[in-house]
Amino acid sequence: MKLRSIRFVLLAMSLLLSAAPVSAALQKGQPAPPINVVTTSGQPVSLANYKGHVLVLDFFATWCYPCKEAIPHLLNLNRKYGKQGLQILGMSVDDGSDKVVKAFIAEKKINYPVAMVDEDLQIEYGLRSVPTIFVISKKGIVAEKLQGYSEEVGRTLENTIKRLLVE
């Protein structure tokens, strides 16, 4: 009798799990989910602000070492391609007050807007780790998703940006 009960419970659990909604991670080729955030300087931002531009969304945290390594490359890309239509938006996943993030922005001399993002937006973008960088085309489609940071990630990021700017 116990074995039959255990089997029933296992069957019921598997049915419940298979019926549970699964949130798939955002992939290349999909439309970018909407964003409605406020930058650390108080400016409201949505994807509509970047229509017609190539947008790099950099999900980062101030405590994340690879995130810190990526920032000089992002600053360089912003200087190099900003006048050609590249826009970068930093997306801080830090908890709590934005004072730490503002100090981080000043220390790293970040020359692009940064917003604090909530957990809902992180879920929408399927964020599992930082840094995660999304490159969004002029048409609002995710063209590239890069996780972590290395020289190879930096090359892929720049090549993707160059390709999208001429489209």
N, C-alpha and C. Protein backbone atom coordinates (compact mmCIF):
# COMPACT_ATOMS: atom_id res chain seq x y z
N MET A 1 0.82 -1.19 0.00
CA MET A 1 0.00 0.00 0.00
C MET A 1 0.87 1.26 0.00
N LYS A 2 1.95 1.26 0.75
CA LYS A 2 2.83 2.42 0.78
C LYS A 2 3.43 2.68 -0.59
N LEU A 3 3.87 1.64 -1.29
CA LEU A 3 4.48 1.81 -2.60
C LEU A 3 3.51 2.44 -3.58
N ARG A 4 2.25 2.02 -3.53
CA ARG A 4 1.23 2.60 -4.41
C ARG A 4 1.03 4.09 -4.09
N SER A 5 1.05 4.46 -2.84
CA SER A 5 0.90 5.87 -2.44
C SER A 5 2.07 6.70 -2.92
N ILE A 6 3.27 6.15 -2.80
CA ILE A 6 4.46 6.87 -3.27
C ILE A 6 4.39 7.08 -4.77
N ARG A 7 4.00 6.05 -5.49
CA ARG A 7 3.87 6.17 -6.96
C ARG A 7 2.84 7.24 -7.33
N PHE A 8 1.72 7.26 -6.59
CA PHE A 8 0.68 8.25 -6.87
C PHE A 8 1.23 9.67 -6.64
N VAL A 9 1.93 9.85 -5.53
CA VAL A 9 2.49 11.16 -5.23
C VAL A 9 3.49 11.58 -6.31
N LEU A 10 4.36 10.66 -6.73
CA LEU A 10 5.33 10.96 -7.77
C LEU A 10 4.64 11.31 -9.09
N LEU A 11 3.60 10.57 -9.44
CA LEU A 11 2.85 10.86 -10.66
C LEU A 11 2.19 12.23 -10.57
N ALA A 12 1.58 12.53 -9.44
CA ALA A 12 0.93 13.83 -9.27
C ALA A 12 1.94 14.96 -9.35
N MET A 13 3.11 14.77 -8.73
CA MET A 13 4.14 15.80 -8.78
C MET A 13 4.64 16.02 -10.20
N SER A 14 4.85 14.94 -10.95
CA SER A 14 5.34 15.10 -12.33
C SER A 14 4.30 15.80 -13.20
N LEU A 15 3.01 15.53 -12.98
CA LEU A 15 1.97 16.23 -13.73
C LEU A 15 1.94 17.71 -13.38
N LEU A 16 2.08 18.02 -12.11
CA LEU A 16 2.10 19.42 -11.69
C LEU A 16 3.30 20.16 -12.26
N LEU A 17 4.45 19.53 -12.22
CA LEU A 17 5.67 20.16 -12.74
C LEU A 17 5.59 20.36 -14.24
N SER A 18 5.01 19.41 -14.96
CA SER A 18 4.92 19.56 -16.41
C SER A 18 3.91 20.63 -16.80
N ALA A 19 2.97 20.93 -15.91
CA ALA A 19 1.97 21.96 -16.21
C ALA A 19 2.44 23.35 -15.78
N ALA A 20 3.51 23.40 -15.00
CA ALA A 20 4.01 24.70 -14.52
C ALA A 20 4.58 25.50 -15.68
N PRO A 21 4.32 26.81 -15.68
CA PRO A 21 4.88 27.63 -16.77
C PRO A 21 6.41 27.66 -16.68
N VAL A 22 7.02 27.58 -17.83
CA VAL A 22 8.47 27.61 -17.89
C VAL A 22 8.87 28.92 -18.54
N SER A 23 9.71 29.69 -17.87
CA SER A 23 10.16 30.94 -18.49
C SER A 23 11.47 30.64 -19.22
N ALA A 24 11.39 30.72 -20.52
CA ALA A 24 12.56 30.43 -21.35
C ALA A 24 13.49 31.63 -21.32
N ALA A 25 14.77 31.34 -21.37
CA ALA A 25 15.76 32.42 -21.40
C ALA A 25 15.66 33.15 -22.74
N LEU A 26 15.82 34.44 -22.69
CA LEU A 26 15.79 35.26 -23.89
C LEU A 26 16.92 34.86 -24.82
N GLN A 27 16.61 34.68 -26.09
CA GLN A 27 17.59 34.20 -27.05
C GLN A 27 17.73 35.17 -28.22
N LYS A 28 18.82 34.98 -28.97
CA LYS A 28 19.04 35.78 -30.18
C LYS A 28 17.87 35.58 -31.13
N GLY A 29 17.50 36.67 -31.81
CA GLY A 29 16.43 36.62 -32.79
C GLY A 29 15.06 36.95 -32.23
N GLN A 30 14.94 37.05 -30.90
CA GLN A 30 13.66 37.38 -30.28
C GLN A 30 13.57 38.89 -30.06
N PRO A 31 12.34 39.42 -30.05
CA PRO A 31 12.20 40.85 -29.72
C PRO A 31 12.66 41.10 -28.28
N ALA A 32 13.31 42.22 -28.07
CA ALA A 32 13.75 42.57 -26.72
C ALA A 32 12.53 42.89 -25.87
N PRO A 33 12.45 42.34 -24.67
CA PRO A 33 11.33 42.69 -23.78
C PRO A 33 11.35 44.19 -23.46
N PRO A 34 10.19 44.77 -23.19
CA PRO A 34 10.15 46.19 -22.88
C PRO A 34 10.94 46.51 -21.61
N ILE A 35 11.51 47.69 -21.59
CA ILE A 35 12.17 48.17 -20.37
C ILE A 35 11.56 49.51 -20.02
N ASN A 36 11.32 49.71 -18.77
CA ASN A 36 10.86 51.00 -18.25
C ASN A 36 11.61 51.20 -16.95
N VAL A 37 12.70 51.93 -17.03
CA VAL A 37 13.57 52.15 -15.88
C VAL A 37 13.85 53.64 -15.74
N VAL A 38 14.45 53.99 -14.63
CA VAL A 38 14.85 55.37 -14.38
C VAL A 38 16.35 55.35 -14.14
N THR A 39 17.07 56.20 -14.84
CA THR A 39 18.52 56.24 -14.67
C THR A 39 18.88 56.83 -13.31
N THR A 40 20.12 56.66 -12.92
CA THR A 40 20.57 57.19 -11.64
C THR A 40 20.53 58.73 -11.62
N SER A 41 20.42 59.34 -12.79
CA SER A 41 20.28 60.80 -12.85
C SER A 41 18.81 61.23 -12.90
N GLY A 42 17.90 60.24 -12.80
CA GLY A 42 16.47 60.56 -12.72
C GLY A 42 15.71 60.57 -14.03
N GLN A 43 16.34 60.16 -15.13
CA GLN A 43 15.68 60.16 -16.43
C GLN A 43 14.93 58.84 -16.67
N PRO A 44 13.62 58.91 -17.01
CA PRO A 44 12.91 57.69 -17.37
C PRO A 44 13.38 57.20 -18.74
N VAL A 45 13.52 55.88 -18.88
CA VAL A 45 14.03 55.29 -20.11
C VAL A 45 13.17 54.08 -20.49
N SER A 46 12.88 53.99 -21.79
CA SER A 46 12.21 52.80 -22.33
C SER A 46 12.90 52.42 -23.63
N LEU A 47 12.55 51.28 -24.18
CA LEU A 47 13.16 50.86 -25.45
C LEU A 47 12.87 51.87 -26.57
N ALA A 48 11.73 52.54 -26.47
CA ALA A 48 11.37 53.53 -27.50
C ALA A 48 12.42 54.64 -27.60
N ASN A 49 13.12 54.94 -26.50
CA ASN A 49 14.17 55.95 -26.53
C ASN A 49 15.31 55.56 -27.47
N TYR A 50 15.43 54.26 -27.76
CA TYR A 50 16.58 53.76 -28.53
C TYR A 50 16.18 53.28 -29.93
N LYS A 51 14.96 53.57 -30.33
CA LYS A 51 14.52 53.16 -31.66
C LYS A 51 15.45 53.74 -32.72
N GLY A 52 15.90 52.90 -33.64
CA GLY A 52 16.80 53.34 -34.70
C GLY A 52 18.27 53.34 -34.30
N HIS A 53 18.56 52.93 -33.07
CA HIS A 53 19.94 52.83 -32.58
C HIS A 53 20.28 51.38 -32.27
N VAL A 54 21.54 51.07 -32.30
CA VAL A 54 22.02 49.79 -31.78
C VAL A 54 22.19 50.00 -30.28
N LEU A 55 21.57 49.15 -29.49
CA LEU A 55 21.58 49.30 -28.04
C LEU A 55 22.31 48.14 -27.38
N VAL A 56 23.24 48.47 -26.50
CA VAL A 56 23.92 47.48 -25.67
C VAL A 56 23.36 47.63 -24.26
N LEU A 57 22.75 46.57 -23.76
CA LEU A 57 22.28 46.53 -22.38
C LEU A 57 23.30 45.73 -21.59
N ASP A 58 23.94 46.38 -20.64
CA ASP A 58 24.96 45.73 -19.82
C ASP A 58 24.41 45.51 -18.41
N PHE A 59 23.97 44.27 -18.13
CA PHE A 59 23.52 43.92 -16.79
C PHE A 59 24.77 43.63 -15.95
N PHE A 60 24.94 44.40 -14.87
CA PHE A 60 26.16 44.29 -14.08
C PHE A 60 25.85 44.49 -12.60
N ALA A 61 26.86 44.26 -11.77
CA ALA A 61 26.80 44.57 -10.34
C ALA A 61 28.13 45.20 -9.94
N THR A 62 28.09 46.11 -8.99
CA THR A 62 29.29 46.82 -8.57
C THR A 62 30.32 45.90 -7.92
N TRP A 63 29.88 44.79 -7.35
CA TRP A 63 30.76 43.86 -6.66
C TRP A 63 31.34 42.79 -7.58
N CYS A 64 30.94 42.79 -8.84
CA CYS A 64 31.29 41.72 -9.80
C CYS A 64 32.60 42.06 -10.52
N TYR A 65 33.62 41.24 -10.31
CA TYR A 65 34.93 41.49 -10.91
C TYR A 65 34.88 41.48 -12.45
N PRO A 66 34.28 40.45 -13.10
CA PRO A 66 34.22 40.48 -14.58
C PRO A 66 33.44 41.69 -15.11
N CYS A 67 32.46 42.15 -14.34
CA CYS A 67 31.71 43.36 -14.74
C CYS A 67 32.65 44.55 -14.80
N LYS A 68 33.51 44.65 -13.79
CA LYS A 68 34.48 45.75 -13.74
C LYS A 68 35.45 45.66 -14.91
N GLU A 69 35.81 44.45 -15.32
CA GLU A 69 36.71 44.27 -16.46
C GLU A 69 36.06 44.70 -17.77
N ALA A 70 34.75 44.53 -17.88
CA ALA A 70 34.03 44.86 -19.12
C ALA A 70 33.88 46.36 -19.32
N ILE A 71 33.82 47.12 -18.25
CA ILE A 71 33.50 48.55 -18.35
C ILE A 71 34.48 49.34 -19.21
N PRO A 72 35.80 49.19 -19.06
CA PRO A 72 36.68 49.95 -19.95
C PRO A 72 36.42 49.67 -21.43
N HIS A 73 36.10 48.43 -21.76
CA HIS A 73 35.79 48.09 -23.16
C HIS A 73 34.49 48.79 -23.59
N LEU A 74 33.49 48.80 -22.73
CA LEU A 74 32.23 49.47 -23.05
C LEU A 74 32.44 50.97 -23.22
N LEU A 75 33.26 51.56 -22.37
CA LEU A 75 33.57 52.99 -22.49
C LEU A 75 34.23 53.28 -23.84
N ASN A 76 35.15 52.43 -24.23
CA ASN A 76 35.84 52.59 -25.51
C ASN A 76 34.87 52.44 -26.68
N LEU A 77 34.00 51.44 -26.62
CA LEU A 77 33.01 51.24 -27.68
C LEU A 77 32.08 52.46 -27.78
N ASN A 78 31.70 53.01 -26.64
CA ASN A 78 30.83 54.18 -26.64
C ASN A 78 31.50 55.37 -27.31
N ARG A 79 32.78 55.57 -27.00
CA ARG A 79 33.53 56.67 -27.65
C ARG A 79 33.69 56.41 -29.15
N LYS A 80 33.99 55.16 -29.50
CA LYS A 80 34.30 54.80 -30.88
C LYS A 80 33.07 54.81 -31.79
N TYR A 81 31.93 54.33 -31.28
CA TYR A 81 30.76 54.13 -32.15
C TYR A 81 29.54 54.96 -31.75
N GLY A 82 29.65 55.76 -30.70
CA GLY A 82 28.51 56.55 -30.23
C GLY A 82 27.95 57.48 -31.28
N LYS A 83 28.82 58.11 -32.06
CA LYS A 83 28.36 59.05 -33.10
C LYS A 83 27.79 58.33 -34.31
N GLN A 84 28.01 57.01 -34.39
CA GLN A 84 27.49 56.23 -35.51
C GLN A 84 26.15 55.57 -35.19
N GLY A 85 25.66 55.75 -33.96
CA GLY A 85 24.35 55.20 -33.62
C GLY A 85 24.36 54.17 -32.50
N LEU A 86 25.48 53.96 -31.85
CA LEU A 86 25.53 53.04 -30.72
C LEU A 86 25.06 53.75 -29.45
N GLN A 87 24.24 53.08 -28.68
CA GLN A 87 23.82 53.55 -27.36
C GLN A 87 24.10 52.42 -26.37
N ILE A 88 24.56 52.78 -25.18
CA ILE A 88 24.81 51.79 -24.13
C ILE A 88 23.98 52.20 -22.92
N LEU A 89 23.37 51.21 -22.29
CA LEU A 89 22.61 51.44 -21.07
C LEU A 89 23.08 50.43 -20.04
N GLY A 90 23.68 50.93 -18.97
CA GLY A 90 24.08 50.07 -17.86
C GLY A 90 22.85 49.70 -17.05
N MET A 91 22.77 48.43 -16.65
CA MET A 91 21.61 47.92 -15.92
C MET A 91 22.10 47.29 -14.62
N SER A 92 22.16 48.08 -13.56
CA SER A 92 22.69 47.60 -12.29
C SER A 92 21.68 46.69 -11.58
N VAL A 93 22.15 45.53 -11.17
CA VAL A 93 21.31 44.59 -10.42
C VAL A 93 21.60 44.68 -8.92
N ASP A 94 22.37 45.67 -8.50
CA ASP A 94 22.69 45.84 -7.08
C ASP A 94 21.42 46.07 -6.27
N ASP A 95 21.39 45.48 -5.09
CA ASP A 95 20.28 45.69 -4.16
C ASP A 95 20.48 46.97 -3.38
N GLY A 96 19.37 47.55 -2.95
CA GLY A 96 19.47 48.68 -2.03
C GLY A 96 19.61 50.02 -2.70
N SER A 97 20.23 50.92 -1.97
CA SER A 97 20.36 52.31 -2.38
C SER A 97 21.22 52.46 -3.63
N ASP A 98 20.90 53.48 -4.41
CA ASP A 98 21.69 53.73 -5.61
C ASP A 98 22.95 54.54 -5.30
N LYS A 99 23.21 54.87 -4.02
CA LYS A 99 24.41 55.62 -3.65
C LYS A 99 25.67 54.86 -4.04
N VAL A 100 25.67 53.56 -3.79
CA VAL A 100 26.83 52.72 -4.14
C VAL A 100 27.04 52.73 -5.64
N VAL A 101 25.95 52.63 -6.39
CA VAL A 101 26.03 52.61 -7.85
C VAL A 101 26.52 53.96 -8.37
N LYS A 102 26.03 55.05 -7.81
CA LYS A 102 26.48 56.38 -8.23
C LYS A 102 27.97 56.56 -7.97
N ALA A 103 28.45 56.08 -6.83
CA ALA A 103 29.89 56.16 -6.52
C ALA A 103 30.69 55.32 -7.51
N PHE A 104 30.15 54.15 -7.88
CA PHE A 104 30.79 53.25 -8.84
C PHE A 104 30.88 53.93 -10.21
N ILE A 105 29.81 54.58 -10.64
CA ILE A 105 29.76 55.29 -11.91
C ILE A 105 30.85 56.37 -11.95
N ALA A 106 30.96 57.13 -10.85
CA ALA A 106 31.97 58.19 -10.78
C ALA A 106 33.38 57.60 -10.79
N GLU A 107 33.59 56.56 -10.01
CA GLU A 107 34.92 55.94 -9.92
C GLU A 107 35.37 55.38 -11.26
N LYS A 108 34.45 54.73 -11.99
CA LYS A 108 34.79 54.10 -13.27
C LYS A 108 34.66 55.06 -14.45
N LYS A 109 34.20 56.29 -14.16
CA LYS A 109 34.03 57.31 -15.20
C LYS A 109 33.12 56.82 -16.33
N ILE A 110 32.02 56.19 -15.94
CA ILE A 110 31.07 55.65 -16.91
C ILE A 110 30.41 56.81 -17.66
N ASN A 111 30.48 56.74 -19.00
CA ASN A 111 30.00 57.84 -19.85
C ASN A 111 28.69 57.50 -20.57
N TYR A 112 27.91 56.61 -20.01
CA TYR A 112 26.61 56.25 -20.55
C TYR A 112 25.63 56.12 -19.38
N PRO A 113 24.32 56.22 -19.65
CA PRO A 113 23.35 56.15 -18.56
C PRO A 113 23.35 54.78 -17.87
N VAL A 114 23.03 54.79 -16.59
CA VAL A 114 22.93 53.57 -15.79
C VAL A 114 21.61 53.63 -15.03
N ALA A 115 20.91 52.51 -15.01
CA ALA A 115 19.65 52.41 -14.27
C ALA A 115 19.72 51.24 -13.30
N MET A 116 18.96 51.36 -12.22
CA MET A 116 18.80 50.25 -11.29
C MET A 116 17.64 49.41 -11.84
N VAL A 117 17.82 48.09 -11.87
CA VAL A 117 16.76 47.23 -12.41
C VAL A 117 16.21 46.32 -11.32
N ASP A 118 14.92 46.08 -11.41
CA ASP A 118 14.28 45.22 -10.43
C ASP A 118 14.32 43.76 -10.87
N GLU A 119 13.89 42.91 -9.99
CA GLU A 119 13.93 41.47 -10.25
C GLU A 119 13.04 41.08 -11.43
N ASP A 120 11.90 41.78 -11.59
CA ASP A 120 10.99 41.45 -12.70
C ASP A 120 11.69 41.61 -14.05
N LEU A 121 12.43 42.69 -14.22
CA LEU A 121 13.14 42.91 -15.49
C LEU A 121 14.24 41.87 -15.68
N GLN A 122 14.90 41.51 -14.60
CA GLN A 122 15.93 40.47 -14.68
C GLN A 122 15.31 39.15 -15.14
N ILE A 123 14.13 38.85 -14.66
CA ILE A 123 13.43 37.63 -15.06
C ILE A 123 13.02 37.72 -16.54
N GLU A 124 12.49 38.88 -16.95
CA GLU A 124 12.08 39.10 -18.35
C GLU A 124 13.24 38.82 -19.31
N TYR A 125 14.43 39.22 -18.90
CA TYR A 125 15.61 39.04 -19.75
C TYR A 125 16.31 37.71 -19.50
N GLY A 126 15.75 36.88 -18.61
CA GLY A 126 16.33 35.56 -18.36
C GLY A 126 17.71 35.63 -17.74
N LEU A 127 17.95 36.66 -16.93
CA LEU A 127 19.27 36.87 -16.35
C LEU A 127 19.59 35.77 -15.34
N ARG A 128 20.75 35.15 -15.53
CA ARG A 128 21.20 34.11 -14.62
C ARG A 128 22.52 34.47 -13.94
N SER A 129 23.26 35.38 -14.56
CA SER A 129 24.56 35.78 -14.01
C SER A 129 24.92 37.15 -14.55
N VAL A 130 25.90 37.78 -13.90
CA VAL A 130 26.42 39.05 -14.39
C VAL A 130 27.92 38.90 -14.61
N PRO A 131 28.50 39.57 -15.56
CA PRO A 131 27.79 40.43 -16.50
C PRO A 131 27.09 39.60 -17.58
N THR A 132 25.96 40.11 -18.01
CA THR A 132 25.28 39.62 -19.20
C THR A 132 25.02 40.84 -20.07
N ILE A 133 25.44 40.74 -21.31
CA ILE A 133 25.32 41.87 -22.24
C ILE A 133 24.41 41.44 -23.40
N PHE A 134 23.38 42.24 -23.63
CA PHE A 134 22.49 42.03 -24.77
C PHE A 134 22.77 43.13 -25.78
N VAL A 135 22.88 42.74 -27.05
CA VAL A 135 22.99 43.72 -28.13
C VAL A 135 21.67 43.68 -28.87
N ILE A 136 21.01 44.82 -28.93
CA ILE A 136 19.69 44.90 -29.54
C ILE A 136 19.79 45.73 -30.82
N SER A 137 19.23 45.17 -31.89
CA SER A 137 19.31 45.82 -33.20
C SER A 137 18.45 47.08 -33.25
N LYS A 138 18.61 47.83 -34.33
CA LYS A 138 17.83 49.05 -34.55
C LYS A 138 16.34 48.75 -34.60
N LYS A 139 15.99 47.50 -34.90
CA LYS A 139 14.58 47.09 -34.99
C LYS A 139 14.05 46.48 -33.69
N GLY A 140 14.89 46.48 -32.63
CA GLY A 140 14.43 45.98 -31.34
C GLY A 140 14.55 44.48 -31.15
N ILE A 141 15.39 43.84 -31.98
CA ILE A 141 15.58 42.39 -31.91
C ILE A 141 16.90 42.09 -31.21
N VAL A 142 16.90 41.08 -30.34
CA VAL A 142 18.13 40.67 -29.67
C VAL A 142 19.05 40.05 -30.71
N ALA A 143 20.17 40.70 -30.96
CA ALA A 143 21.13 40.23 -31.97
C ALA A 143 22.23 39.39 -31.34
N GLU A 144 22.51 39.63 -30.06
CA GLU A 144 23.57 38.88 -29.39
C GLU A 144 23.32 38.91 -27.89
N LYS A 145 23.69 37.80 -27.24
CA LYS A 145 23.64 37.69 -25.78
C LYS A 145 24.99 37.13 -25.35
N LEU A 146 25.69 37.89 -24.53
CA LEU A 146 27.03 37.48 -24.09
C LEU A 146 27.06 37.42 -22.57
N GLN A 147 27.60 36.33 -22.05
CA GLN A 147 27.69 36.18 -20.60
C GLN A 147 29.15 36.13 -20.19
N GLY A 148 29.45 36.77 -19.06
CA GLY A 148 30.82 36.83 -18.59
C GLY A 148 31.57 37.88 -19.39
N TYR A 149 32.86 37.98 -19.12
CA TYR A 149 33.67 38.90 -19.91
C TYR A 149 35.06 38.33 -20.12
N SER A 150 35.52 38.43 -21.35
CA SER A 150 36.87 38.02 -21.75
C SER A 150 37.21 38.82 -23.00
N GLU A 151 38.45 38.68 -23.47
CA GLU A 151 38.82 39.36 -24.72
C GLU A 151 37.97 38.86 -25.87
N GLU A 152 37.66 37.58 -25.88
CA GLU A 152 36.81 37.01 -26.94
C GLU A 152 35.41 37.62 -26.90
N VAL A 153 34.84 37.76 -25.71
CA VAL A 153 33.53 38.39 -25.57
C VAL A 153 33.60 39.83 -26.10
N GLY A 154 34.67 40.53 -25.76
CA GLY A 154 34.87 41.90 -26.23
C GLY A 154 34.93 41.99 -27.75
N ARG A 155 35.64 41.05 -28.38
CA ARG A 155 35.72 41.02 -29.86
C ARG A 155 34.35 40.73 -30.48
N THR A 156 33.66 39.75 -29.91
CA THR A 156 32.33 39.41 -30.43
C THR A 156 31.38 40.59 -30.30
N LEU A 157 31.45 41.26 -29.17
CA LEU A 157 30.60 42.43 -28.94
C LEU A 157 30.87 43.51 -29.98
N GLU A 158 32.14 43.84 -30.19
CA GLU A 158 32.48 44.89 -31.15
C GLU A 158 32.10 44.49 -32.58
N ASN A 159 32.35 43.26 -32.96
CA ASN A 159 31.99 42.80 -34.30
C ASN A 159 30.49 42.85 -34.53
N THR A 160 29.72 42.49 -33.51
CA THR A 160 28.26 42.54 -33.61
C THR A 160 27.80 43.99 -33.78
N ILE A 161 28.35 44.88 -32.99
CA ILE A 161 28.00 46.30 -33.07
C ILE A 161 28.31 46.84 -34.47
N LYS A 162 29.51 46.57 -34.98
CA LYS A 162 29.88 47.07 -36.32
C LYS A 162 28.92 46.55 -37.39
N ARG A 163 28.56 45.28 -37.30
CA ARG A 163 27.64 44.69 -38.28
C ARG A 163 26.27 45.35 -38.20
N LEU A 164 25.77 45.58 -37.00
CA LEU A 164 24.44 46.15 -36.84
C LEU A 164 24.37 47.63 -37.21
N LEU A 165 25.45 48.33 -37.01
CA LEU A 165 25.43 49.77 -37.34
C LEU A 165 25.27 50.02 -38.83
N VAL A 166 25.72 49.10 -39.67
CA VAL A 166 25.60 49.31 -41.11
C VAL A 166 24.31 48.73 -41.70
N GLU A 167 23.53 48.05 -40.88
CA GLU A 167 22.25 47.49 -41.37
C GLU A 167 21.21 48.56 -41.54
